[in-house]
Amino acid sequence: VAPGAFVVLASRDQAGAMVGYSLARMHWV
């Protein structure tokens, strides 16, 4: 997820936001 987000998304900010969102959910799981 993280490497793919930084390759596919247009900006690093978008990729960071997506990885941060995913990381928070993963911690709860």
mmCIF file of all heavy atoms, coordinates in Angstrom:
data_MODEL
# 
_entry.id   MODEL 
# 
loop_
_atom_site.group_PDB 
_atom_site.id 
_atom_site.type_symbol 
_atom_site.label_atom_id 
_atom_site.label_alt_id 
_atom_site.label_comp_id 
_atom_site.label_asym_id 
_atom_site.label_entity_id 
_atom_site.label_seq_id 
_atom_site.pdbx_PDB_ins_code 
_atom_site.Cartn_x 
_atom_site.Cartn_y 
_atom_site.Cartn_z 
_atom_site.occupancy 
_atom_site.B_iso_or_equiv 
_atom_site.pdbx_formal_charge 
_atom_site.auth_seq_id 
_atom_site.auth_comp_id 
_atom_site.auth_asym_id 
_atom_site.auth_atom_id 
_atom_site.pdbx_PDB_model_num 
ATOM 1   N N   . VAL A 1 1  ? 0.824   -1.218 0.000  1.00 0.00 ? 1  VAL A N   1 
ATOM 2   C CA  . VAL A 1 1  ? 0.000   0.000  0.000  1.00 0.00 ? 1  VAL A CA  1 
ATOM 3   C C   . VAL A 1 1  ? 0.856   1.266  0.000  1.00 0.00 ? 1  VAL A C   1 
ATOM 4   O O   . VAL A 1 1  ? 0.660   2.146  -0.852 1.00 0.00 ? 1  VAL A O   1 
ATOM 5   C CB  . VAL A 1 1  ? -0.972  0.002  1.201  1.00 0.00 ? 1  VAL A CB  1 
ATOM 6   C CG1 . VAL A 1 1  ? -1.714  1.320  1.292  1.00 0.00 ? 1  VAL A CG1 1 
ATOM 7   C CG2 . VAL A 1 1  ? -1.944  -1.154 1.087  1.00 0.00 ? 1  VAL A CG2 1 
ATOM 8   N N   . ALA A 1 2  ? 1.789   1.383  0.937  1.00 0.00 ? 2  ALA A N   1 
ATOM 9   C CA  . ALA A 1 2  ? 2.571   2.612  1.042  1.00 0.00 ? 2  ALA A CA  1 
ATOM 10  C C   . ALA A 1 2  ? 3.409   2.882  -0.210 1.00 0.00 ? 2  ALA A C   1 
ATOM 11  O O   . ALA A 1 2  ? 3.325   3.983  -0.780 1.00 0.00 ? 2  ALA A O   1 
ATOM 12  C CB  . ALA A 1 2  ? 3.442   2.581  2.292  1.00 0.00 ? 2  ALA A CB  1 
ATOM 13  N N   . PRO A 1 3  ? 4.206   1.925  -0.679 1.00 0.00 ? 3  PRO A N   1 
ATOM 14  C CA  . PRO A 1 3  ? 4.971   2.225  -1.897 1.00 0.00 ? 3  PRO A CA  1 
ATOM 15  C C   . PRO A 1 3  ? 4.066   2.503  -3.105 1.00 0.00 ? 3  PRO A C   1 
ATOM 16  O O   . PRO A 1 3  ? 4.359   3.392  -3.911 1.00 0.00 ? 3  PRO A O   1 
ATOM 17  C CB  . PRO A 1 3  ? 5.797   0.958  -2.139 1.00 0.00 ? 3  PRO A CB  1 
ATOM 18  C CG  . PRO A 1 3  ? 5.874   0.282  -0.822 1.00 0.00 ? 3  PRO A CG  1 
ATOM 19  C CD  . PRO A 1 3  ? 4.594   0.617  -0.125 1.00 0.00 ? 3  PRO A CD  1 
ATOM 20  N N   . GLY A 1 4  ? 2.969   1.757  -3.205 1.00 0.00 ? 4  GLY A N   1 
ATOM 21  C CA  . GLY A 1 4  ? 2.048   1.973  -4.319 1.00 0.00 ? 4  GLY A CA  1 
ATOM 22  C C   . GLY A 1 4  ? 1.408   3.341  -4.278 1.00 0.00 ? 4  GLY A C   1 
ATOM 23  O O   . GLY A 1 4  ? 1.218   3.984  -5.319 1.00 0.00 ? 4  GLY A O   1 
ATOM 24  N N   . ALA A 1 5  ? 1.060   3.803  -3.083 1.00 0.00 ? 5  ALA A N   1 
ATOM 25  C CA  . ALA A 1 5  ? 0.437   5.125  -2.951 1.00 0.00 ? 5  ALA A CA  1 
ATOM 26  C C   . ALA A 1 5  ? 1.389   6.218  -3.407 1.00 0.00 ? 5  ALA A C   1 
ATOM 27  O O   . ALA A 1 5  ? 0.982   7.161  -4.093 1.00 0.00 ? 5  ALA A O   1 
ATOM 28  C CB  . ALA A 1 5  ? 0.014   5.365  -1.502 1.00 0.00 ? 5  ALA A CB  1 
ATOM 29  N N   . PHE A 1 6  ? 2.658   6.086  -3.060 1.00 0.00 ? 6  PHE A N   1 
ATOM 30  C CA  . PHE A 1 6  ? 3.612   7.125  -3.443 1.00 0.00 ? 6  PHE A CA  1 
ATOM 31  C C   . PHE A 1 6  ? 3.958   7.077  -4.927 1.00 0.00 ? 6  PHE A C   1 
ATOM 32  O O   . PHE A 1 6  ? 4.384   8.073  -5.494 1.00 0.00 ? 6  PHE A O   1 
ATOM 33  C CB  . PHE A 1 6  ? 4.878   7.033  -2.577 1.00 0.00 ? 6  PHE A CB  1 
ATOM 34  C CG  . PHE A 1 6  ? 4.672   7.594  -1.209 1.00 0.00 ? 6  PHE A CG  1 
ATOM 35  C CD1 . PHE A 1 6  ? 4.351   6.760  -0.145 1.00 0.00 ? 6  PHE A CD1 1 
ATOM 36  C CD2 . PHE A 1 6  ? 4.757   8.956  -0.974 1.00 0.00 ? 6  PHE A CD2 1 
ATOM 37  C CE1 . PHE A 1 6  ? 4.136   7.275  1.121  1.00 0.00 ? 6  PHE A CE1 1 
ATOM 38  C CE2 . PHE A 1 6  ? 4.553   9.481  0.286  1.00 0.00 ? 6  PHE A CE2 1 
ATOM 39  C CZ  . PHE A 1 6  ? 4.233   8.641  1.339  1.00 0.00 ? 6  PHE A CZ  1 
ATOM 40  N N   . VAL A 1 7  ? 3.745   5.942  -5.591 1.00 0.00 ? 7  VAL A N   1 
ATOM 41  C CA  . VAL A 1 7  ? 3.992   5.843  -7.032 1.00 0.00 ? 7  VAL A CA  1 
ATOM 42  C C   . VAL A 1 7  ? 2.775   6.305  -7.828 1.00 0.00 ? 7  VAL A C   1 
ATOM 43  O O   . VAL A 1 7  ? 2.905   7.024  -8.813 1.00 0.00 ? 7  VAL A O   1 
ATOM 44  C CB  . VAL A 1 7  ? 4.370   4.386  -7.414 1.00 0.00 ? 7  VAL A CB  1 
ATOM 45  C CG1 . VAL A 1 7  ? 4.365   4.197  -8.910 1.00 0.00 ? 7  VAL A CG1 1 
ATOM 46  C CG2 . VAL A 1 7  ? 5.724   4.023  -6.834 1.00 0.00 ? 7  VAL A CG2 1 
ATOM 47  N N   . VAL A 1 8  ? 1.574   5.917  -7.386 1.00 0.00 ? 8  VAL A N   1 
ATOM 48  C CA  . VAL A 1 8  ? 0.371   6.131  -8.183 1.00 0.00 ? 8  VAL A CA  1 
ATOM 49  C C   . VAL A 1 8  ? -0.238  7.516  -7.992 1.00 0.00 ? 8  VAL A C   1 
ATOM 50  O O   . VAL A 1 8  ? -0.671  8.140  -8.970 1.00 0.00 ? 8  VAL A O   1 
ATOM 51  C CB  . VAL A 1 8  ? -0.677  5.036  -7.852 1.00 0.00 ? 8  VAL A CB  1 
ATOM 52  C CG1 . VAL A 1 8  ? -2.005  5.327  -8.492 1.00 0.00 ? 8  VAL A CG1 1 
ATOM 53  C CG2 . VAL A 1 8  ? -0.151  3.677  -8.286 1.00 0.00 ? 8  VAL A CG2 1 
ATOM 54  N N   . LEU A 1 9  ? -0.300  7.996  -6.773 1.00 0.00 ? 9  LEU A N   1 
ATOM 55  C CA  . LEU A 1 9  ? -0.994  9.259  -6.513 1.00 0.00 ? 9  LEU A CA  1 
ATOM 56  C C   . LEU A 1 9  ? -0.183  10.452 -7.007 1.00 0.00 ? 9  LEU A C   1 
ATOM 57  O O   . LEU A 1 9  ? 1.046   10.410 -7.101 1.00 0.00 ? 9  LEU A O   1 
ATOM 58  C CB  . LEU A 1 9  ? -1.320  9.391  -5.032 1.00 0.00 ? 9  LEU A CB  1 
ATOM 59  C CG  . LEU A 1 9  ? -2.340  8.358  -4.530 1.00 0.00 ? 9  LEU A CG  1 
ATOM 60  C CD1 . LEU A 1 9  ? -2.524  8.478  -3.041 1.00 0.00 ? 9  LEU A CD1 1 
ATOM 61  C CD2 . LEU A 1 9  ? -3.666  8.505  -5.246 1.00 0.00 ? 9  LEU A CD2 1 
ATOM 62  N N   . ALA A 1 10 ? -0.883  11.541 -7.282 1.00 0.00 ? 10 ALA A N   1 
ATOM 63  C CA  . ALA A 1 10 ? -0.282  12.705 -7.930 1.00 0.00 ? 10 ALA A CA  1 
ATOM 64  C C   . ALA A 1 10 ? 0.721   13.437 -7.042 1.00 0.00 ? 10 ALA A C   1 
ATOM 65  O O   . ALA A 1 10 ? 1.721   13.954 -7.526 1.00 0.00 ? 10 ALA A O   1 
ATOM 66  C CB  . ALA A 1 10 ? -1.380  13.666 -8.382 1.00 0.00 ? 10 ALA A CB  1 
ATOM 67  N N   . SER A 1 11 ? 0.469   13.511 -5.749 1.00 0.00 ? 11 SER A N   1 
ATOM 68  C CA  . SER A 1 11 ? 1.382   14.258 -4.881 1.00 0.00 ? 11 SER A CA  1 
ATOM 69  C C   . SER A 1 11 ? 1.736   13.429 -3.647 1.00 0.00 ? 11 SER A C   1 
ATOM 70  O O   . SER A 1 11 ? 1.019   12.509 -3.254 1.00 0.00 ? 11 SER A O   1 
ATOM 71  C CB  . SER A 1 11 ? 0.748   15.581 -4.449 1.00 0.00 ? 11 SER A CB  1 
ATOM 72  O OG  . SER A 1 11 ? -0.255  15.359 -3.489 1.00 0.00 ? 11 SER A OG  1 
ATOM 73  N N   . ARG A 1 12 ? 2.848   13.787 -3.055 1.00 0.00 ? 12 ARG A N   1 
ATOM 74  C CA  . ARG A 1 12 ? 3.289   13.108 -1.834 1.00 0.00 ? 12 ARG A CA  1 
ATOM 75  C C   . ARG A 1 12 ? 2.306   13.371 -0.690 1.00 0.00 ? 12 ARG A C   1 
ATOM 76  O O   . ARG A 1 12 ? 2.143   12.538 0.187  1.00 0.00 ? 12 ARG A O   1 
ATOM 77  C CB  . ARG A 1 12 ? 4.692   13.567 -1.467 1.00 0.00 ? 12 ARG A CB  1 
ATOM 78  C CG  . ARG A 1 12 ? 5.753   13.126 -2.464 1.00 0.00 ? 12 ARG A CG  1 
ATOM 79  C CD  . ARG A 1 12 ? 7.129   13.631 -2.067 1.00 0.00 ? 12 ARG A CD  1 
ATOM 80  N NE  . ARG A 1 12 ? 7.551   13.093 -0.796 1.00 0.00 ? 12 ARG A NE  1 
ATOM 81  C CZ  . ARG A 1 12 ? 8.329   12.021 -0.641 1.00 0.00 ? 12 ARG A CZ  1 
ATOM 82  N NH1 . ARG A 1 12 ? 8.749   11.384 -1.714 1.00 0.00 ? 12 ARG A NH1 1 
ATOM 83  N NH2 . ARG A 1 12 ? 8.676   11.605 0.558  1.00 0.00 ? 12 ARG A NH2 1 
ATOM 84  N N   . ASP A 1 13 ? 1.665   14.541 -0.701 1.00 0.00 ? 13 ASP A N   1 
ATOM 85  C CA  . ASP A 1 13 ? 0.692   14.857 0.346  1.00 0.00 ? 13 ASP A CA  1 
ATOM 86  C C   . ASP A 1 13 ? -0.511  13.905 0.290  1.00 0.00 ? 13 ASP A C   1 
ATOM 87  O O   . ASP A 1 13 ? -0.982  13.428 1.325  1.00 0.00 ? 13 ASP A O   1 
ATOM 88  C CB  . ASP A 1 13 ? 0.207   16.303 0.217  1.00 0.00 ? 13 ASP A CB  1 
ATOM 89  C CG  . ASP A 1 13 ? 1.283   17.301 0.581  1.00 0.00 ? 13 ASP A CG  1 
ATOM 90  O OD1 . ASP A 1 13 ? 2.191   16.939 1.366  1.00 0.00 ? 13 ASP A OD1 1 
ATOM 91  O OD2 . ASP A 1 13 ? 1.226   18.436 0.083  1.00 0.00 ? 13 ASP A OD2 1 
ATOM 92  N N   . GLN A 1 14 ? -0.995  13.648 -0.918 1.00 0.00 ? 14 GLN A N   1 
ATOM 93  C CA  . GLN A 1 14 ? -2.109  12.708 -1.067 1.00 0.00 ? 14 GLN A CA  1 
ATOM 94  C C   . GLN A 1 14 ? -1.703  11.308 -0.616 1.00 0.00 ? 14 GLN A C   1 
ATOM 95  O O   . GLN A 1 14 ? -2.461  10.626 0.084  1.00 0.00 ? 14 GLN A O   1 
ATOM 96  C CB  . GLN A 1 14 ? -2.570  12.640 -2.519 1.00 0.00 ? 14 GLN A CB  1 
ATOM 97  C CG  . GLN A 1 14 ? -3.307  13.847 -3.009 1.00 0.00 ? 14 GLN A CG  1 
ATOM 98  C CD  . GLN A 1 14 ? -3.660  13.709 -4.484 1.00 0.00 ? 14 GLN A CD  1 
ATOM 99  O OE1 . GLN A 1 14 ? -2.986  12.997 -5.232 1.00 0.00 ? 14 GLN A OE1 1 
ATOM 100 N NE2 . GLN A 1 14 ? -4.716  14.408 -4.888 1.00 0.00 ? 14 GLN A NE2 1 
ATOM 101 N N   . ALA A 1 15 ? -0.517  10.880 -1.027 1.00 0.00 ? 15 ALA A N   1 
ATOM 102 C CA  . ALA A 1 15 ? -0.042  9.550  -0.649 1.00 0.00 ? 15 ALA A CA  1 
ATOM 103 C C   . ALA A 1 15 ? 0.138   9.456  0.865  1.00 0.00 ? 15 ALA A C   1 
ATOM 104 O O   . ALA A 1 15 ? -0.248  8.461  1.483  1.00 0.00 ? 15 ALA A O   1 
ATOM 105 C CB  . ALA A 1 15 ? 1.265   9.239  -1.365 1.00 0.00 ? 15 ALA A CB  1 
ATOM 106 N N   . GLY A 1 16 ? 0.695   10.486 1.470  1.00 0.00 ? 16 GLY A N   1 
ATOM 107 C CA  . GLY A 1 16 ? 0.874   10.496 2.918  1.00 0.00 ? 16 GLY A CA  1 
ATOM 108 C C   . GLY A 1 16 ? -0.446  10.458 3.652  1.00 0.00 ? 16 GLY A C   1 
ATOM 109 O O   . GLY A 1 16 ? -0.588  9.775  4.672  1.00 0.00 ? 16 GLY A O   1 
ATOM 110 N N   . ALA A 1 17 ? -1.433  11.185 3.143  1.00 0.00 ? 17 ALA A N   1 
ATOM 111 C CA  . ALA A 1 17 ? -2.759  11.179 3.769  1.00 0.00 ? 17 ALA A CA  1 
ATOM 112 C C   . ALA A 1 17 ? -3.398  9.798  3.669  1.00 0.00 ? 17 ALA A C   1 
ATOM 113 O O   . ALA A 1 17 ? -3.997  9.310  4.635  1.00 0.00 ? 17 ALA A O   1 
ATOM 114 C CB  . ALA A 1 17 ? -3.652  12.227 3.117  1.00 0.00 ? 17 ALA A CB  1 
ATOM 115 N N   . MET A 1 18 ? -3.256  9.147  2.524  1.00 0.00 ? 18 MET A N   1 
ATOM 116 C CA  . MET A 1 18 ? -3.841  7.821  2.355  1.00 0.00 ? 18 MET A CA  1 
ATOM 117 C C   . MET A 1 18 ? -3.149  6.790  3.254  1.00 0.00 ? 18 MET A C   1 
ATOM 118 O O   . MET A 1 18 ? -3.809  5.977  3.904  1.00 0.00 ? 18 MET A O   1 
ATOM 119 C CB  . MET A 1 18 ? -3.742  7.367  0.903  1.00 0.00 ? 18 MET A CB  1 
ATOM 120 C CG  . MET A 1 18 ? -4.540  6.100  0.652  1.00 0.00 ? 18 MET A CG  1 
ATOM 121 S SD  . MET A 1 18 ? -4.255  5.433  -0.966 1.00 0.00 ? 18 MET A SD  1 
ATOM 122 C CE  . MET A 1 18 ? -3.042  4.215  -0.582 1.00 0.00 ? 18 MET A CE  1 
ATOM 123 N N   . VAL A 1 19 ? -1.827  6.837  3.307  1.00 0.00 ? 19 VAL A N   1 
ATOM 124 C CA  . VAL A 1 19 ? -1.090  5.893  4.159  1.00 0.00 ? 19 VAL A CA  1 
ATOM 125 C C   . VAL A 1 19 ? -1.399  6.163  5.624  1.00 0.00 ? 19 VAL A C   1 
ATOM 126 O O   . VAL A 1 19 ? -1.565  5.232  6.420  1.00 0.00 ? 19 VAL A O   1 
ATOM 127 C CB  . VAL A 1 19 ? 0.420   5.964  3.865  1.00 0.00 ? 19 VAL A CB  1 
ATOM 128 C CG1 . VAL A 1 19 ? 1.210   5.162  4.877  1.00 0.00 ? 19 VAL A CG1 1 
ATOM 129 C CG2 . VAL A 1 19 ? 0.703   5.474  2.454  1.00 0.00 ? 19 VAL A CG2 1 
ATOM 130 N N   . GLY A 1 20 ? -1.503  7.428  6.016  1.00 0.00 ? 20 GLY A N   1 
ATOM 131 C CA  . GLY A 1 20 ? -1.851  7.762  7.405  1.00 0.00 ? 20 GLY A CA  1 
ATOM 132 C C   . GLY A 1 20 ? -3.230  7.245  7.779  1.00 0.00 ? 20 GLY A C   1 
ATOM 133 O O   . GLY A 1 20 ? -3.427  6.714  8.878  1.00 0.00 ? 20 GLY A O   1 
ATOM 134 N N   . TYR A 1 21 ? -4.182  7.406  6.881  1.00 0.00 ? 21 TYR A N   1 
ATOM 135 C CA  . TYR A 1 21 ? -5.530  6.887  7.107  1.00 0.00 ? 21 TYR A CA  1 
ATOM 136 C C   . TYR A 1 21 ? -5.501  5.363  7.265  1.00 0.00 ? 21 TYR A C   1 
ATOM 137 O O   . TYR A 1 21 ? -6.095  4.809  8.185  1.00 0.00 ? 21 TYR A O   1 
ATOM 138 C CB  . TYR A 1 21 ? -6.429  7.288  5.933  1.00 0.00 ? 21 TYR A CB  1 
ATOM 139 C CG  . TYR A 1 21 ? -7.825  6.732  6.000  1.00 0.00 ? 21 TYR A CG  1 
ATOM 140 C CD1 . TYR A 1 21 ? -8.806  7.379  6.735  1.00 0.00 ? 21 TYR A CD1 1 
ATOM 141 C CD2 . TYR A 1 21 ? -8.163  5.565  5.325  1.00 0.00 ? 21 TYR A CD2 1 
ATOM 142 C CE1 . TYR A 1 21 ? -10.094 6.875  6.800  1.00 0.00 ? 21 TYR A CE1 1 
ATOM 143 C CE2 . TYR A 1 21 ? -9.434  5.049  5.389  1.00 0.00 ? 21 TYR A CE2 1 
ATOM 144 C CZ  . TYR A 1 21 ? -10.400 5.708  6.125  1.00 0.00 ? 21 TYR A CZ  1 
ATOM 145 O OH  . TYR A 1 21 ? -11.664 5.188  6.190  1.00 0.00 ? 21 TYR A OH  1 
ATOM 146 N N   . SER A 1 22 ? -4.785  4.696  6.365  1.00 0.00 ? 22 SER A N   1 
ATOM 147 C CA  . SER A 1 22 ? -4.693  3.234  6.418  1.00 0.00 ? 22 SER A CA  1 
ATOM 148 C C   . SER A 1 22 ? -3.980  2.764  7.678  1.00 0.00 ? 22 SER A C   1 
ATOM 149 O O   . SER A 1 22 ? -4.364  1.762  8.280  1.00 0.00 ? 22 SER A O   1 
ATOM 150 C CB  . SER A 1 22 ? -3.943  2.713  5.185  1.00 0.00 ? 22 SER A CB  1 
ATOM 151 O OG  . SER A 1 22 ? -4.590  3.094  4.010  1.00 0.00 ? 22 SER A OG  1 
ATOM 152 N N   . LEU A 1 23 ? -2.953  3.471  8.066  1.00 0.00 ? 23 LEU A N   1 
ATOM 153 C CA  . LEU A 1 23 ? -2.181  3.094  9.252  1.00 0.00 ? 23 LEU A CA  1 
ATOM 154 C C   . LEU A 1 23 ? -3.021  3.185  10.519 1.00 0.00 ? 23 LEU A C   1 
ATOM 155 O O   . LEU A 1 23 ? -2.959  2.305  11.387 1.00 0.00 ? 23 LEU A O   1 
ATOM 156 C CB  . LEU A 1 23 ? -0.940  3.979  9.364  1.00 0.00 ? 23 LEU A CB  1 
ATOM 157 C CG  . LEU A 1 23 ? 0.075   3.618  10.424 1.00 0.00 ? 23 LEU A CG  1 
ATOM 158 C CD1 . LEU A 1 23 ? 0.654   2.241  10.151 1.00 0.00 ? 23 LEU A CD1 1 
ATOM 159 C CD2 . LEU A 1 23 ? 1.179   4.653  10.454 1.00 0.00 ? 23 LEU A CD2 1 
ATOM 160 N N   . ALA A 1 24 ? -3.832  4.226  10.619 1.00 0.00 ? 24 ALA A N   1 
ATOM 161 C CA  . ALA A 1 24 ? -4.703  4.368  11.794 1.00 0.00 ? 24 ALA A CA  1 
ATOM 162 C C   . ALA A 1 24 ? -5.682  3.206  11.893 1.00 0.00 ? 24 ALA A C   1 
ATOM 163 O O   . ALA A 1 24 ? -5.888  2.634  12.963 1.00 0.00 ? 24 ALA A O   1 
ATOM 164 C CB  . ALA A 1 24 ? -5.447  5.695  11.737 1.00 0.00 ? 24 ALA A CB  1 
ATOM 165 N N   . ARG A 1 25 ? -6.284  2.838  10.758 1.00 0.00 ? 25 ARG A N   1 
ATOM 166 C CA  . ARG A 1 25 ? -7.231  1.710  10.768 1.00 0.00 ? 25 ARG A CA  1 
ATOM 167 C C   . ARG A 1 25 ? -6.515  0.402  11.076 1.00 0.00 ? 25 ARG A C   1 
ATOM 168 O O   . ARG A 1 25 ? -7.029  -0.460 11.773 1.00 0.00 ? 25 ARG A O   1 
ATOM 169 C CB  . ARG A 1 25 ? -7.955  1.591  9.420  1.00 0.00 ? 25 ARG A CB  1 
ATOM 170 C CG  . ARG A 1 25 ? -8.840  2.763  9.019  1.00 0.00 ? 25 ARG A CG  1 
ATOM 171 C CD  . ARG A 1 25 ? -9.585  3.350  10.184 1.00 0.00 ? 25 ARG A CD  1 
ATOM 172 N NE  . ARG A 1 25 ? -10.438 4.467  9.856  1.00 0.00 ? 25 ARG A NE  1 
ATOM 173 C CZ  . ARG A 1 25 ? -10.103 5.743  9.978  1.00 0.00 ? 25 ARG A CZ  1 
ATOM 174 N NH1 . ARG A 1 25 ? -8.886  6.090  10.323 1.00 0.00 ? 25 ARG A NH1 1 
ATOM 175 N NH2 . ARG A 1 25 ? -10.967 6.695  9.755  1.00 0.00 ? 25 ARG A NH2 1 
ATOM 176 N N   . MET A 1 26 ? -5.310  0.245  10.542 1.00 0.00 ? 26 MET A N   1 
ATOM 177 C CA  . MET A 1 26 ? -4.541  -0.968 10.785 1.00 0.00 ? 26 MET A CA  1 
ATOM 178 C C   . MET A 1 26 ? -4.181  -1.095 12.266 1.00 0.00 ? 26 MET A C   1 
ATOM 179 O O   . MET A 1 26 ? -4.196  -2.194 12.821 1.00 0.00 ? 26 MET A O   1 
ATOM 180 C CB  . MET A 1 26 ? -3.272  -0.973 9.941  1.00 0.00 ? 26 MET A CB  1 
ATOM 181 C CG  . MET A 1 26 ? -2.505  -2.268 10.018 1.00 0.00 ? 26 MET A CG  1 
ATOM 182 S SD  . MET A 1 26 ? -0.890  -2.133 9.279  1.00 0.00 ? 26 MET A SD  1 
ATOM 183 C CE  . MET A 1 26 ? -0.065  -1.072 10.450 1.00 0.00 ? 26 MET A CE  1 
ATOM 184 N N   . HIS A 1 27 ? -3.879  0.012  12.911 1.00 0.00 ? 27 HIS A N   1 
ATOM 185 C CA  . HIS A 1 27 ? -3.585  -0.032 14.344 1.00 0.00 ? 27 HIS A CA  1 
ATOM 186 C C   . HIS A 1 27 ? -4.804  -0.508 15.140 1.00 0.00 ? 27 HIS A C   1 
ATOM 187 O O   . HIS A 1 27 ? -4.673  -1.305 16.069 1.00 0.00 ? 27 HIS A O   1 
ATOM 188 C CB  . HIS A 1 27 ? -3.127  1.336  14.845 1.00 0.00 ? 27 HIS A CB  1 
ATOM 189 C CG  . HIS A 1 27 ? -1.706  1.621  14.505 1.00 0.00 ? 27 HIS A CG  1 
ATOM 190 N ND1 . HIS A 1 27 ? -1.197  2.886  14.491 1.00 0.00 ? 27 HIS A ND1 1 
ATOM 191 C CD2 . HIS A 1 27 ? -0.670  0.821  14.159 1.00 0.00 ? 27 HIS A CD2 1 
ATOM 192 C CE1 . HIS A 1 27 ? 0.077   2.859  14.159 1.00 0.00 ? 27 HIS A CE1 1 
ATOM 193 N NE2 . HIS A 1 27 ? 0.409   1.598  13.949 1.00 0.00 ? 27 HIS A NE2 1 
ATOM 194 N N   . TRP A 1 28 ? -5.979  -0.014 14.788 1.00 0.00 ? 28 TRP A N   1 
ATOM 195 C CA  . TRP A 1 28 ? -7.196  -0.454 15.486 1.00 0.00 ? 28 TRP A CA  1 
ATOM 196 C C   . TRP A 1 28 ? -7.444  -1.945 15.278 1.00 0.00 ? 28 TRP A C   1 
ATOM 197 O O   . TRP A 1 28 ? -7.808  -2.660 16.211 1.00 0.00 ? 28 TRP A O   1 
ATOM 198 C CB  . TRP A 1 28 ? -8.408  0.356  15.035 1.00 0.00 ? 28 TRP A CB  1 
ATOM 199 C CG  . TRP A 1 28 ? -8.492  1.668  15.744 1.00 0.00 ? 28 TRP A CG  1 
ATOM 200 C CD1 . TRP A 1 28 ? -8.247  2.902  15.222 1.00 0.00 ? 28 TRP A CD1 1 
ATOM 201 C CD2 . TRP A 1 28 ? -8.797  1.875  17.117 1.00 0.00 ? 28 TRP A CD2 1 
ATOM 202 N NE1 . TRP A 1 28 ? -8.389  3.861  16.189 1.00 0.00 ? 28 TRP A NE1 1 
ATOM 203 C CE2 . TRP A 1 28 ? -8.732  3.261  17.366 1.00 0.00 ? 28 TRP A CE2 1 
ATOM 204 C CE3 . TRP A 1 28 ? -9.121  1.027  18.175 1.00 0.00 ? 28 TRP A CE3 1 
ATOM 205 C CZ2 . TRP A 1 28 ? -8.976  3.800  18.621 1.00 0.00 ? 28 TRP A CZ2 1 
ATOM 206 C CZ3 . TRP A 1 28 ? -9.375  1.576  19.424 1.00 0.00 ? 28 TRP A CZ3 1 
ATOM 207 C CH2 . TRP A 1 28 ? -9.296  2.943  19.630 1.00 0.00 ? 28 TRP A CH2 1 
ATOM 208 N N   . VAL A 1 29 ? -7.225  -2.412 14.057 1.00 0.00 ? 29 VAL A N   1 
ATOM 209 C CA  . VAL A 1 29 ? -7.384  -3.843 13.783 1.00 0.00 ? 29 VAL A CA  1 
ATOM 210 C C   . VAL A 1 29 ? -6.389  -4.641 14.612 1.00 0.00 ? 29 VAL A C   1 
ATOM 211 O O   . VAL A 1 29 ? -6.718  -5.684 15.183 1.00 0.00 ? 29 VAL A O   1 
ATOM 212 C CB  . VAL A 1 29 ? -7.217  -4.137 12.272 1.00 0.00 ? 29 VAL A CB  1 
ATOM 213 C CG1 . VAL A 1 29 ? -7.075  -5.628 12.006 1.00 0.00 ? 29 VAL A CG1 1 
ATOM 214 C CG2 . VAL A 1 29 ? -8.381  -3.574 11.493 1.00 0.00 ? 29 VAL A CG2 1 
# 
